[in-house]
Amino acid sequence: MSRIDKLAAFLKESPSDSFLQHALALEYQKIGDTAKARALFEKLLQENPDYVGSYYHLAKLLEGQGDEAGALTVYEKGMTQATLQNDKHALGELRSAWEELST
């Protein structure tokens, strides 16, 4: 059973588990299935907008697809959430990526 199969099985048991959704999205991204990865990241952030780590990964995925405006928007939403949660590390990473893309 592949890692994707295992994560998908766990997710069926716990469909609202943000960690499992994030991990599965990363696995799809690793194998180049960006459509599934994007759908999972977007679903996760819609259901759990305070899952800060997913903003960076979704924005990077969008960047890779050439959607710079979408990526900038996702970085900005992530920076807002990181600020609300006082997560300085995530805020710094998101801000750095946003600055690099916006210049």
PDB file of N, CA and C in Angstrom:
ATOM      1  N   MET A   1       0.848  -1.185   0.000  1.00  0.00           N
ATOM      2  CA  MET A   1       0.000   0.000   0.000  1.00  0.00           C
ATOM      3  C   MET A   1       0.894   1.249   0.000  1.00  0.00           C
ATOM      4  N   SER A   2       0.637   2.136  -0.915  1.00  0.00           N
ATOM      5  CA  SER A   2       1.448   3.354  -1.022  1.00  0.00           C
ATOM      6  C   SER A   2       1.107   4.336   0.100  1.00  0.00           C
ATOM      7  N   ARG A   3       1.971   5.301   0.252  1.00  0.00           N
ATOM      8  CA  ARG A   3       1.739   6.342   1.259  1.00  0.00           C
ATOM      9  C   ARG A   3       0.430   7.085   0.961  1.00  0.00           C
ATOM     10  N   ILE A   4       0.166   7.344  -0.310  1.00  0.00           N
ATOM     11  CA  ILE A   4      -1.072   8.020  -0.699  1.00  0.00           C
ATOM     12  C   ILE A   4      -2.275   7.175  -0.307  1.00  0.00           C
ATOM     13  N   ASP A   5      -2.210   5.865  -0.585  1.00  0.00           N
ATOM     14  CA  ASP A   5      -3.311   4.972  -0.231  1.00  0.00           C
ATOM     15  C   ASP A   5      -3.549   4.954   1.279  1.00  0.00           C
ATOM     16  N   LYS A   6      -2.458   4.920   2.041  1.00  0.00           N
ATOM     17  CA  LYS A   6      -2.580   4.902   3.503  1.00  0.00           C
ATOM     18  C   LYS A   6      -3.212   6.195   4.012  1.00  0.00           C
ATOM     19  N   LEU A   7      -2.715   7.330   3.513  1.00  0.00           N
ATOM     20  CA  LEU A   7      -3.266   8.614   3.958  1.00  0.00           C
ATOM     21  C   LEU A   7      -4.734   8.748   3.562  1.00  0.00           C
ATOM     22  N   ALA A   8      -5.073   8.306   2.347  1.00  0.00           N
ATOM     23  CA  ALA A   8      -6.466   8.372   1.890  1.00  0.00           C
ATOM     24  C   ALA A   8      -7.363   7.504   2.768  1.00  0.00           C
ATOM     25  N   ALA A   9      -6.872   6.339   3.165  1.00  0.00           N
ATOM     26  CA  ALA A   9      -7.650   5.464   4.040  1.00  0.00           C
ATOM     27  C   ALA A   9      -7.861   6.108   5.409  1.00  0.00           C
ATOM     28  N   PHE A  10      -6.805   6.695   5.964  1.00  0.00           N
ATOM     29  CA  PHE A  10      -6.936   7.391   7.247  1.00  0.00           C
ATOM     30  C   PHE A  10      -7.919   8.555   7.128  1.00  0.00           C
ATOM     31  N   LEU A  11      -7.847   9.254   6.000  1.00  0.00           N
ATOM     32  CA  LEU A  11      -8.714  10.411   5.790  1.00  0.00           C
ATOM     33  C   LEU A  11     -10.184  10.003   5.672  1.00  0.00           C
ATOM     34  N   LYS A  12     -10.440   8.821   5.139  1.00  0.00           N
ATOM     35  CA  LYS A  12     -11.822   8.327   5.084  1.00  0.00           C
ATOM     36  C   LYS A  12     -12.384   8.126   6.485  1.00  0.00           C
ATOM     37  N   GLU A  13     -11.510   7.703   7.404  1.00  0.00           N
ATOM     38  CA  GLU A  13     -11.909   7.497   8.791  1.00  0.00           C
ATOM     39  C   GLU A  13     -12.071   8.813   9.538  1.00  0.00           C
ATOM     40  N   SER A  14     -11.270   9.804   9.169  1.00  0.00           N
ATOM     41  CA  SER A  14     -11.282  11.115   9.835  1.00  0.00           C
ATOM     42  C   SER A  14     -11.276  12.209   8.773  1.00  0.00           C
ATOM     43  N   PRO A  15     -12.394  12.410   8.077  1.00  0.00           N
ATOM     44  CA  PRO A  15     -12.416  13.334   6.931  1.00  0.00           C
ATOM     45  C   PRO A  15     -12.127  14.793   7.255  1.00  0.00           C
ATOM     46  N   SER A  16     -12.246  15.190   8.489  1.00  0.00           N
ATOM     47  CA  SER A  16     -11.989  16.586   8.834  1.00  0.00           C
ATOM     48  C   SER A  16     -10.612  16.797   9.456  1.00  0.00           C
ATOM     49  N   ASP A  17      -9.752  15.787   9.397  1.00  0.00           N
ATOM     50  CA  ASP A  17      -8.418  15.884   9.975  1.00  0.00           C
ATOM     51  C   ASP A  17      -7.525  16.729   9.064  1.00  0.00           C
ATOM     52  N   SER A  18      -7.221  17.926   9.494  1.00  0.00           N
ATOM     53  CA  SER A  18      -6.437  18.865   8.692  1.00  0.00           C
ATOM     54  C   SER A  18      -5.030  18.358   8.411  1.00  0.00           C
ATOM     55  N   PHE A  19      -4.415  17.710   9.391  1.00  0.00           N
ATOM     56  CA  PHE A  19      -3.065  17.184   9.183  1.00  0.00           C
ATOM     57  C   PHE A  19      -3.056  16.158   8.059  1.00  0.00           C
ATOM     58  N   LEU A  20      -4.030  15.254   8.057  1.00  0.00           N
ATOM     59  CA  LEU A  20      -4.097  14.230   7.015  1.00  0.00           C
ATOM     60  C   LEU A  20      -4.367  14.847   5.651  1.00  0.00           C
ATOM     61  N   GLN A  21      -5.240  15.847   5.584  1.00  0.00           N
ATOM     62  CA  GLN A  21      -5.509  16.522   4.321  1.00  0.00           C
ATOM     63  C   GLN A  21      -4.240  17.182   3.793  1.00  0.00           C
ATOM     64  N   HIS A  22      -3.531  17.854   4.675  1.00  0.00           N
ATOM     65  CA  HIS A  22      -2.289  18.533   4.294  1.00  0.00           C
ATOM     66  C   HIS A  22      -1.250  17.522   3.800  1.00  0.00           C
ATOM     67  N   ALA A  23      -1.077  16.447   4.556  1.00  0.00           N
ATOM     68  CA  ALA A  23      -0.088  15.425   4.197  1.00  0.00           C
ATOM     69  C   ALA A  23      -0.427  14.781   2.850  1.00  0.00           C
ATOM     70  N   LEU A  24      -1.698  14.495   2.614  1.00  0.00           N
ATOM     71  CA  LEU A  24      -2.111  13.892   1.355  1.00  0.00           C
ATOM     72  C   LEU A  24      -1.887  14.864   0.196  1.00  0.00           C
ATOM     73  N   ALA A  25      -2.188  16.123   0.410  1.00  0.00           N
ATOM     74  CA  ALA A  25      -1.941  17.133  -0.631  1.00  0.00           C
ATOM     75  C   ALA A  25      -0.459  17.189  -0.976  1.00  0.00           C
ATOM     76  N   LEU A  26       0.400  17.141   0.014  1.00  0.00           N
ATOM     77  CA  LEU A  26       1.845  17.156  -0.234  1.00  0.00           C
ATOM     78  C   LEU A  26       2.287  15.930  -1.031  1.00  0.00           C
ATOM     79  N   GLU A  27       1.705  14.790  -0.724  1.00  0.00           N
ATOM     80  CA  GLU A  27       2.050  13.574  -1.459  1.00  0.00           C
ATOM     81  C   GLU A  27       1.632  13.683  -2.927  1.00  0.00           C
ATOM     82  N   TYR A  28       0.442  14.221  -3.170  1.00  0.00           N
ATOM     83  CA  TYR A  28       0.014  14.406  -4.556  1.00  0.00           C
ATOM     84  C   TYR A  28       0.924  15.405  -5.271  1.00  0.00           C
ATOM     85  N   GLN A  29       1.337  16.432  -4.553  1.00  0.00           N
ATOM     86  CA  GLN A  29       2.233  17.421  -5.142  1.00  0.00           C
ATOM     87  C   GLN A  29       3.568  16.771  -5.514  1.00  0.00           C
ATOM     88  N   LYS A  30       4.066  15.892  -4.659  1.00  0.00           N
ATOM     89  CA  LYS A  30       5.338  15.212  -4.921  1.00  0.00           C
ATOM     90  C   LYS A  30       5.304  14.400  -6.209  1.00  0.00           C
ATOM     91  N   ILE A  31       4.159  13.797  -6.507  1.00  0.00           N
ATOM     92  CA  ILE A  31       4.085  12.960  -7.706  1.00  0.00           C
ATOM     93  C   ILE A  31       3.609  13.744  -8.920  1.00  0.00           C
ATOM     94  N   GLY A  32       3.416  15.049  -8.747  1.00  0.00           N
ATOM     95  CA  GLY A  32       3.049  15.901  -9.872  1.00  0.00           C
ATOM     96  C   GLY A  32       1.563  16.001 -10.151  1.00  0.00           C
ATOM     97  N   ASP A  33       0.737  15.474  -9.268  1.00  0.00           N
ATOM     98  CA  ASP A  33      -0.710  15.591  -9.454  1.00  0.00           C
ATOM     99  C   ASP A  33      -1.177  16.879  -8.777  1.00  0.00           C
ATOM    100  N   THR A  34      -0.877  17.993  -9.444  1.00  0.00           N
ATOM    101  CA  THR A  34      -1.154  19.294  -8.848  1.00  0.00           C
ATOM    102  C   THR A  34      -2.644  19.588  -8.734  1.00  0.00           C
ATOM    103  N   ALA A  35      -3.457  18.999  -9.592  1.00  0.00           N
ATOM    104  CA  ALA A  35      -4.905  19.228  -9.510  1.00  0.00           C
ATOM    105  C   ALA A  35      -5.462  18.674  -8.198  1.00  0.00           C
ATOM    106  N   LYS A  36      -5.064  17.458  -7.852  1.00  0.00           N
ATOM    107  CA  LYS A  36      -5.542  16.861  -6.594  1.00  0.00           C
ATOM    108  C   LYS A  36      -4.949  17.606  -5.399  1.00  0.00           C
ATOM    109  N   ALA A  37      -3.678  17.950  -5.489  1.00  0.00           N
ATOM    110  CA  ALA A  37      -3.032  18.676  -4.394  1.00  0.00           C
ATOM    111  C   ALA A  37      -3.731  20.011  -4.167  1.00  0.00           C
ATOM    112  N   ARG A  38      -3.967  20.743  -5.244  1.00  0.00           N
ATOM    113  CA  ARG A  38      -4.617  22.049  -5.130  1.00  0.00           C
ATOM    114  C   ARG A  38      -6.005  21.915  -4.531  1.00  0.00           C
ATOM    115  N   ALA A  39      -6.766  20.943  -5.002  1.00  0.00           N
ATOM    116  CA  ALA A  39      -8.124  20.748  -4.483  1.00  0.00           C
ATOM    117  C   ALA A  39      -8.097  20.449  -2.982  1.00  0.00           C
ATOM    118  N   LEU A  40      -7.158  19.630  -2.551  1.00  0.00           N
ATOM    119  CA  LEU A  40      -7.062  19.307  -1.124  1.00  0.00           C
ATOM    120  C   LEU A  40      -6.645  20.517  -0.295  1.00  0.00           C
ATOM    121  N   PHE A  41      -5.637  21.263  -0.767  1.00  0.00           N
ATOM    122  CA  PHE A  41      -5.225  22.460  -0.032  1.00  0.00           C
ATOM    123  C   PHE A  41      -6.373  23.460   0.059  1.00  0.00           C
ATOM    124  N   GLU A  42      -7.071  23.677  -1.046  1.00  0.00           N
ATOM    125  CA  GLU A  42      -8.174  24.648  -1.052  1.00  0.00           C
ATOM    126  C   GLU A  42      -9.303  24.202  -0.127  1.00  0.00           C
ATOM    127  N   LYS A  43      -9.637  22.918  -0.155  1.00  0.00           N
ATOM    128  CA  LYS A  43     -10.684  22.384   0.725  1.00  0.00           C
ATOM    129  C   LYS A  43     -10.273  22.540   2.192  1.00  0.00           C
ATOM    130  N   LEU A  44      -9.035  22.196   2.469  1.00  0.00           N
ATOM    131  CA  LEU A  44      -8.517  22.313   3.829  1.00  0.00           C
ATOM    132  C   LEU A  44      -8.608  23.743   4.336  1.00  0.00           C
ATOM    133  N   LEU A  45      -8.162  24.697   3.536  1.00  0.00           N
ATOM    134  CA  LEU A  45      -8.153  26.093   3.980  1.00  0.00           C
ATOM    135  C   LEU A  45      -9.559  26.683   4.048  1.00  0.00           C
ATOM    136  N   GLN A  46     -10.466  26.158   3.253  1.00  0.00           N
ATOM    137  CA  GLN A  46     -11.857  26.607   3.344  1.00  0.00           C
ATOM    138  C   GLN A  46     -12.479  26.112   4.654  1.00  0.00           C
ATOM    139  N   GLU A  47     -12.187  24.874   5.017  1.00  0.00           N
ATOM    140  CA  GLU A  47     -12.747  24.286   6.226  1.00  0.00           C
ATOM    141  C   GLU A  47     -11.999  24.693   7.491  1.00  0.00           C
ATOM    142  N   ASN A  48     -10.711  24.947   7.350  1.00  0.00           N
ATOM    143  CA  ASN A  48      -9.879  25.253   8.514  1.00  0.00           C
ATOM    144  C   ASN A  48      -8.878  26.352   8.147  1.00  0.00           C
ATOM    145  N   PRO A  49      -9.358  27.596   8.053  1.00  0.00           N
ATOM    146  CA  PRO A  49      -8.489  28.691   7.600  1.00  0.00           C
ATOM    147  C   PRO A  49      -7.312  28.990   8.515  1.00  0.00           C
ATOM    148  N   ASP A  50      -7.297  28.453   9.714  1.00  0.00           N
ATOM    149  CA  ASP A  50      -6.166  28.730  10.600  1.00  0.00           C
ATOM    150  C   ASP A  50      -5.057  27.675  10.490  1.00  0.00           C
ATOM    151  N   TYR A  51      -5.144  26.783   9.512  1.00  0.00           N
ATOM    152  CA  TYR A  51      -4.075  25.808   9.276  1.00  0.00           C
ATOM    153  C   TYR A  51      -3.001  26.481   8.429  1.00  0.00           C
ATOM    154  N   VAL A  52      -2.176  27.258   9.074  1.00  0.00           N
ATOM    155  CA  VAL A  52      -1.268  28.209   8.435  1.00  0.00           C
ATOM    156  C   VAL A  52      -0.293  27.568   7.448  1.00  0.00           C
ATOM    157  N   GLY A  53       0.216  26.400   7.741  1.00  0.00           N
ATOM    158  CA  GLY A  53       1.211  25.781   6.884  1.00  0.00           C
ATOM    159  C   GLY A  53       0.747  25.526   5.462  1.00  0.00           C
ATOM    160  N   SER A  54      -0.537  25.351   5.279  1.00  0.00           N
ATOM    161  CA  SER A  54      -1.049  25.045   3.942  1.00  0.00           C
ATOM    162  C   SER A  54      -1.056  26.255   3.019  1.00  0.00           C
ATOM    163  N   TYR A  55      -1.063  27.446   3.562  1.00  0.00           N
ATOM    164  CA  TYR A  55      -1.046  28.644   2.710  1.00  0.00           C
ATOM    165  C   TYR A  55       0.239  28.695   1.883  1.00  0.00           C
ATOM    166  N   TYR A  56       1.335  28.441   2.518  1.00  0.00           N
ATOM    167  CA  TYR A  56       2.626  28.489   1.817  1.00  0.00           C
ATOM    168  C   TYR A  56       2.655  27.470   0.683  1.00  0.00           C
ATOM    169  N   HIS A  57       2.250  26.251   0.981  1.00  0.00           N
ATOM    170  CA  HIS A  57       2.312  25.188  -0.017  1.00  0.00           C
ATOM    171  C   HIS A  57       1.339  25.424  -1.166  1.00  0.00           C
ATOM    172  N   LEU A  58       0.146  25.902  -0.863  1.00  0.00           N
ATOM    173  CA  LEU A  58      -0.803  26.213  -1.933  1.00  0.00           C
ATOM    174  C   LEU A  58      -0.273  27.349  -2.798  1.00  0.00           C
ATOM    175  N   ALA A  59       0.266  28.368  -2.174  1.00  0.00           N
ATOM    176  CA  ALA A  59       0.797  29.499  -2.945  1.00  0.00           C
ATOM    177  C   ALA A  59       1.960  29.058  -3.832  1.00  0.00           C
ATOM    178  N   LYS A  60       2.849  28.233  -3.315  1.00  0.00           N
ATOM    179  CA  LYS A  60       3.958  27.730  -4.125  1.00  0.00           C
ATOM    180  C   LYS A  60       3.439  26.908  -5.306  1.00  0.00           C
ATOM    181  N   LEU A  61       2.405  26.124  -5.081  1.00  0.00           N
ATOM    182  CA  LEU A  61       1.807  25.349  -6.158  1.00  0.00           C
ATOM    183  C   LEU A  61       1.255  26.283  -7.236  1.00  0.00           C
ATOM    184  N   LEU A  62       0.559  27.324  -6.799  1.00  0.00           N
ATOM    185  CA  LEU A  62       0.006  28.294  -7.744  1.00  0.00           C
ATOM    186  C   LEU A  62       1.115  29.004  -8.512  1.00  0.00           C
ATOM    187  N   GLU A  63       2.179  29.345  -7.816  1.00  0.00           N
ATOM    188  CA  GLU A  63       3.338  29.952  -8.474  1.00  0.00           C
ATOM    189  C   GLU A  63       3.854  29.041  -9.575  1.00  0.00           C
ATOM    190  N   GLY A  64       3.984  27.775  -9.262  1.00  0.00           N
ATOM    191  CA  GLY A  64       4.481  26.799 -10.221  1.00  0.00           C
ATOM    192  C   GLY A  64       3.579  26.656 -11.435  1.00  0.00           C
ATOM    193  N   GLN A  65       2.305  26.968 -11.258  1.00  0.00           N
ATOM    194  CA  GLN A  65       1.352  26.908 -12.365  1.00  0.00           C
ATOM    195  C   GLN A  65       1.270  28.233 -13.116  1.00  0.00           C
ATOM    196  N   GLY A  66       2.065  29.211 -12.695  1.00  0.00           N
ATOM    197  CA  GLY A  66       2.078  30.503 -13.361  1.00  0.00           C
ATOM    198  C   GLY A  66       0.999  31.460 -12.903  1.00  0.00           C
ATOM    199  N   ASP A  67       0.299  31.119 -11.830  1.00  0.00           N
ATOM    200  CA  ASP A  67      -0.766  31.982 -11.300  1.00  0.00           C
ATOM    201  C   ASP A  67      -0.185  32.859 -10.194  1.00  0.00           C
ATOM    202  N   GLU A  68       0.590  33.864 -10.595  1.00  0.00           N
ATOM    203  CA  GLU A  68       1.254  34.718  -9.612  1.00  0.00           C
ATOM    204  C   GLU A  68       0.260  35.526  -8.791  1.00  0.00           C
ATOM    205  N   ALA A  69      -0.790  36.027  -9.413  1.00  0.00           N
ATOM    206  CA  ALA A  69      -1.789  36.805  -8.677  1.00  0.00           C
ATOM    207  C   ALA A  69      -2.472  35.940  -7.624  1.00  0.00           C
ATOM    208  N   GLY A  70      -2.811  34.722  -7.993  1.00  0.00           N
ATOM    209  CA  GLY A  70      -3.432  33.805  -7.031  1.00  0.00           C
ATOM    210  C   GLY A  70      -2.485  33.476  -5.897  1.00  0.00           C
ATOM    211  N   ALA A  71      -1.215  33.258  -6.232  1.00  0.00           N
ATOM    212  CA  ALA A  71      -0.221  32.945  -5.209  1.00  0.00           C
ATOM    213  C   ALA A  71      -0.059  34.107  -4.233  1.00  0.00           C
ATOM    214  N   LEU A  72       0.017  35.321  -4.755  1.00  0.00           N
ATOM    215  CA  LEU A  72       0.153  36.492  -3.885  1.00  0.00           C
ATOM    216  C   LEU A  72      -1.037  36.609  -2.938  1.00  0.00           C
ATOM    217  N   THR A  73      -2.225  36.351  -3.448  1.00  0.00           N
ATOM    218  CA  THR A  73      -3.435  36.407  -2.617  1.00  0.00           C
ATOM    219  C   THR A  73      -3.376  35.368  -1.501  1.00  0.00           C
ATOM    220  N   VAL A  74      -2.940  34.166  -1.837  1.00  0.00           N
ATOM    221  CA  VAL A  74      -2.844  33.105  -0.828  1.00  0.00           C
ATOM    222  C   VAL A  74      -1.777  33.450   0.207  1.00  0.00           C
ATOM    223  N   TYR A  75      -0.631  33.963  -0.236  1.00  0.00           N
ATOM    224  CA  TYR A  75       0.389  34.402   0.725  1.00  0.00           C
ATOM    225  C   TYR A  75      -0.186  35.460   1.676  1.00  0.00           C
ATOM    226  N   GLU A  76      -0.934  36.408   1.137  1.00  0.00           N
ATOM    227  CA  GLU A  76      -1.509  37.473   1.965  1.00  0.00           C
ATOM    228  C   GLU A  76      -2.495  36.914   2.989  1.00  0.00           C
ATOM    229  N   LYS A  77      -3.340  35.989   2.573  1.00  0.00           N
ATOM    230  CA  LYS A  77      -4.275  35.362   3.512  1.00  0.00           C
ATOM    231  C   LYS A  77      -3.515  34.606   4.592  1.00  0.00           C
ATOM    232  N   GLY A  78      -2.452  33.931   4.182  1.00  0.00           N
ATOM    233  CA  GLY A  78      -1.628  33.206   5.150  1.00  0.00           C
ATOM    234  C   GLY A  78      -0.952  34.138   6.142  1.00  0.00           C
ATOM    235  N   MET A  79      -0.467  35.281   5.647  1.00  0.00           N
ATOM    236  CA  MET A  79       0.160  36.252   6.551  1.00  0.00           C
ATOM    237  C   MET A  79      -0.851  36.779   7.563  1.00  0.00           C
ATOM    238  N   THR A  80      -2.078  36.992   7.117  1.00  0.00           N
ATOM    239  CA  THR A  80      -3.129  37.447   8.032  1.00  0.00           C
ATOM    240  C   THR A  80      -3.372  36.407   9.125  1.00  0.00           C
ATOM    241  N   GLN A  81      -3.494  35.147   8.723  1.00  0.00           N
ATOM    242  CA  GLN A  81      -3.727  34.085   9.710  1.00  0.00           C
ATOM    243  C   GLN A  81      -2.534  33.923  10.654  1.00  0.00           C
ATOM    244  N   ALA A  82      -1.325  33.984  10.104  1.00  0.00           N
ATOM    245  CA  ALA A  82      -0.133  33.848  10.940  1.00  0.00           C
ATOM    246  C   ALA A  82      -0.059  34.976  11.963  1.00  0.00           C
ATOM    247  N   THR A  83      -0.430  36.182  11.551  1.00  0.00           N
ATOM    248  CA  THR A  83      -0.445  37.321  12.462  1.00  0.00           C
ATOM    249  C   THR A  83      -1.476  37.101  13.560  1.00  0.00           C
ATOM    250  N   LEU A  84      -2.662  36.645  13.179  1.00  0.00           N
ATOM    251  CA  LEU A  84      -3.718  36.385  14.165  1.00  0.00           C
ATOM    252  C   LEU A  84      -3.289  35.339  15.183  1.00  0.00           C
ATOM    253  N   GLN A  85      -2.482  34.386  14.746  1.00  0.00           N
ATOM    254  CA  GLN A  85      -2.039  33.305  15.627  1.00  0.00           C
ATOM    255  C   GLN A  85      -0.694  33.601  16.289  1.00  0.00           C
ATOM    256  N   ASN A  86      -0.142  34.776  15.990  1.00  0.00           N
ATOM    257  CA  ASN A  86       1.167  35.169  16.517  1.00  0.00           C
ATOM    258  C   ASN A  86       2.241  34.132  16.169  1.00  0.00           C
ATOM    259  N   ASP A  87       2.135  33.589  14.952  1.00  0.00           N
ATOM    260  CA  ASP A  87       3.102  32.602  14.470  1.00  0.00           C
ATOM    261  C   ASP A  87       4.153  33.342  13.642  1.00  0.00           C
ATOM    262  N   LYS A  88       5.172  33.807  14.325  1.00  0.00           N
ATOM    263  CA  LYS A  88       6.191  34.641  13.687  1.00  0.00           C
ATOM    264  C   LYS A  88       7.015  33.878  12.650  1.00  0.00           C
ATOM    265  N   HIS A  89       7.251  32.618  12.901  1.00  0.00           N
ATOM    266  CA  HIS A  89       8.014  31.813  11.946  1.00  0.00           C
ATOM    267  C   HIS A  89       7.255  31.694  10.620  1.00  0.00           C
ATOM    268  N   ALA A  90       5.996  31.299  10.684  1.00  0.00           N
ATOM    269  CA  ALA A  90       5.188  31.182   9.465  1.00  0.00           C
ATOM    270  C   ALA A  90       5.030  32.537   8.791  1.00  0.00           C
ATOM    271  N   LEU A  91       4.825  33.566   9.578  1.00  0.00           N
ATOM    272  CA  LEU A  91       4.684  34.907   9.021  1.00  0.00           C
ATOM    273  C   LEU A  91       5.938  35.304   8.246  1.00  0.00           C
ATOM    274  N   GLY A  92       7.093  35.012   8.803  1.00  0.00           N
ATOM    275  CA  GLY A  92       8.344  35.344   8.134  1.00  0.00           C
ATOM    276  C   GLY A  92       8.512  34.592   6.819  1.00  0.00           C
ATOM    277  N   GLU A  93       8.181  33.316   6.817  1.00  0.00           N
ATOM    278  CA  GLU A  93       8.295  32.520   5.585  1.00  0.00           C
ATOM    279  C   GLU A  93       7.320  33.011   4.521  1.00  0.00           C
ATOM    280  N   LEU A  94       6.087  33.281   4.929  1.00  0.00           N
ATOM    281  CA  LEU A  94       5.080  33.763   3.981  1.00  0.00           C
ATOM    282  C   LEU A  94       5.454  35.135   3.436  1.00  0.00           C
ATOM    283  N   ARG A  95       5.895  36.009   4.313  1.00  0.00           N
ATOM    284  CA  ARG A  95       6.274  37.357   3.884  1.00  0.00           C
ATOM    285  C   ARG A  95       7.459  37.317   2.920  1.00  0.00           C
ATOM    286  N   SER A  96       8.435  36.485   3.236  1.00  0.00           N
ATOM    287  CA  SER A  96       9.610  36.359   2.384  1.00  0.00           C
ATOM    288  C   SER A  96       9.219  35.860   0.986  1.00  0.00           C
ATOM    289  N   ALA A  97       8.377  34.855   0.935  1.00  0.00           N
ATOM    290  CA  ALA A  97       7.927  34.310  -0.359  1.00  0.00           C
ATOM    291  C   ALA A  97       7.106  35.359  -1.109  1.00  0.00           C
ATOM    292  N   TRP A  98       6.245  36.093  -0.390  1.00  0.00           N
ATOM    293  CA  TRP A  98       5.423  37.137  -1.013  1.00  0.00           C
ATOM    294  C   TRP A  98       6.320  38.229  -1.597  1.00  0.00           C
ATOM    295  N   GLU A  99       7.313  38.662  -0.816  1.00  0.00           N
ATOM    296  CA  GLU A  99       8.221  39.709  -1.277  1.00  0.00           C
ATOM    297  C   GLU A  99       9.016  39.264  -2.495  1.00  0.00           C
ATOM    298  N   GLU A 100       9.480  38.037  -2.488  1.00  0.00           N
ATOM    299  CA  GLU A 100      10.249  37.517  -3.609  1.00  0.00           C
ATOM    300  C   GLU A 100       9.404  37.480  -4.889  1.00  0.00           C
ATOM    301  N   LEU A 101       8.158  37.112  -4.753  1.00  0.00           N
ATOM    302  CA  LEU A 101       7.274  37.022  -5.922  1.00  0.00           C
ATOM    303  C   LEU A 101       6.797  38.389  -6.386  1.00  0.00           C
ATOM    304  N   SER A 102       6.591  39.291  -5.450  1.00  0.00           N
ATOM    305  CA  SER A 102       5.982  40.583  -5.809  1.00  0.00           C
ATOM    306  C   SER A 102       6.990  41.597  -6.362  1.00  0.00           C
ATOM    307  N   THR A 103       8.276  41.296  -6.303  1.00  0.00           N
ATOM    308  CA  THR A 103       9.266  42.244  -6.827  1.00  0.00           C
ATOM    309  C   THR A 103       9.716  41.903  -8.233  1.00  0.00           C
TER     310      THR A 103
END
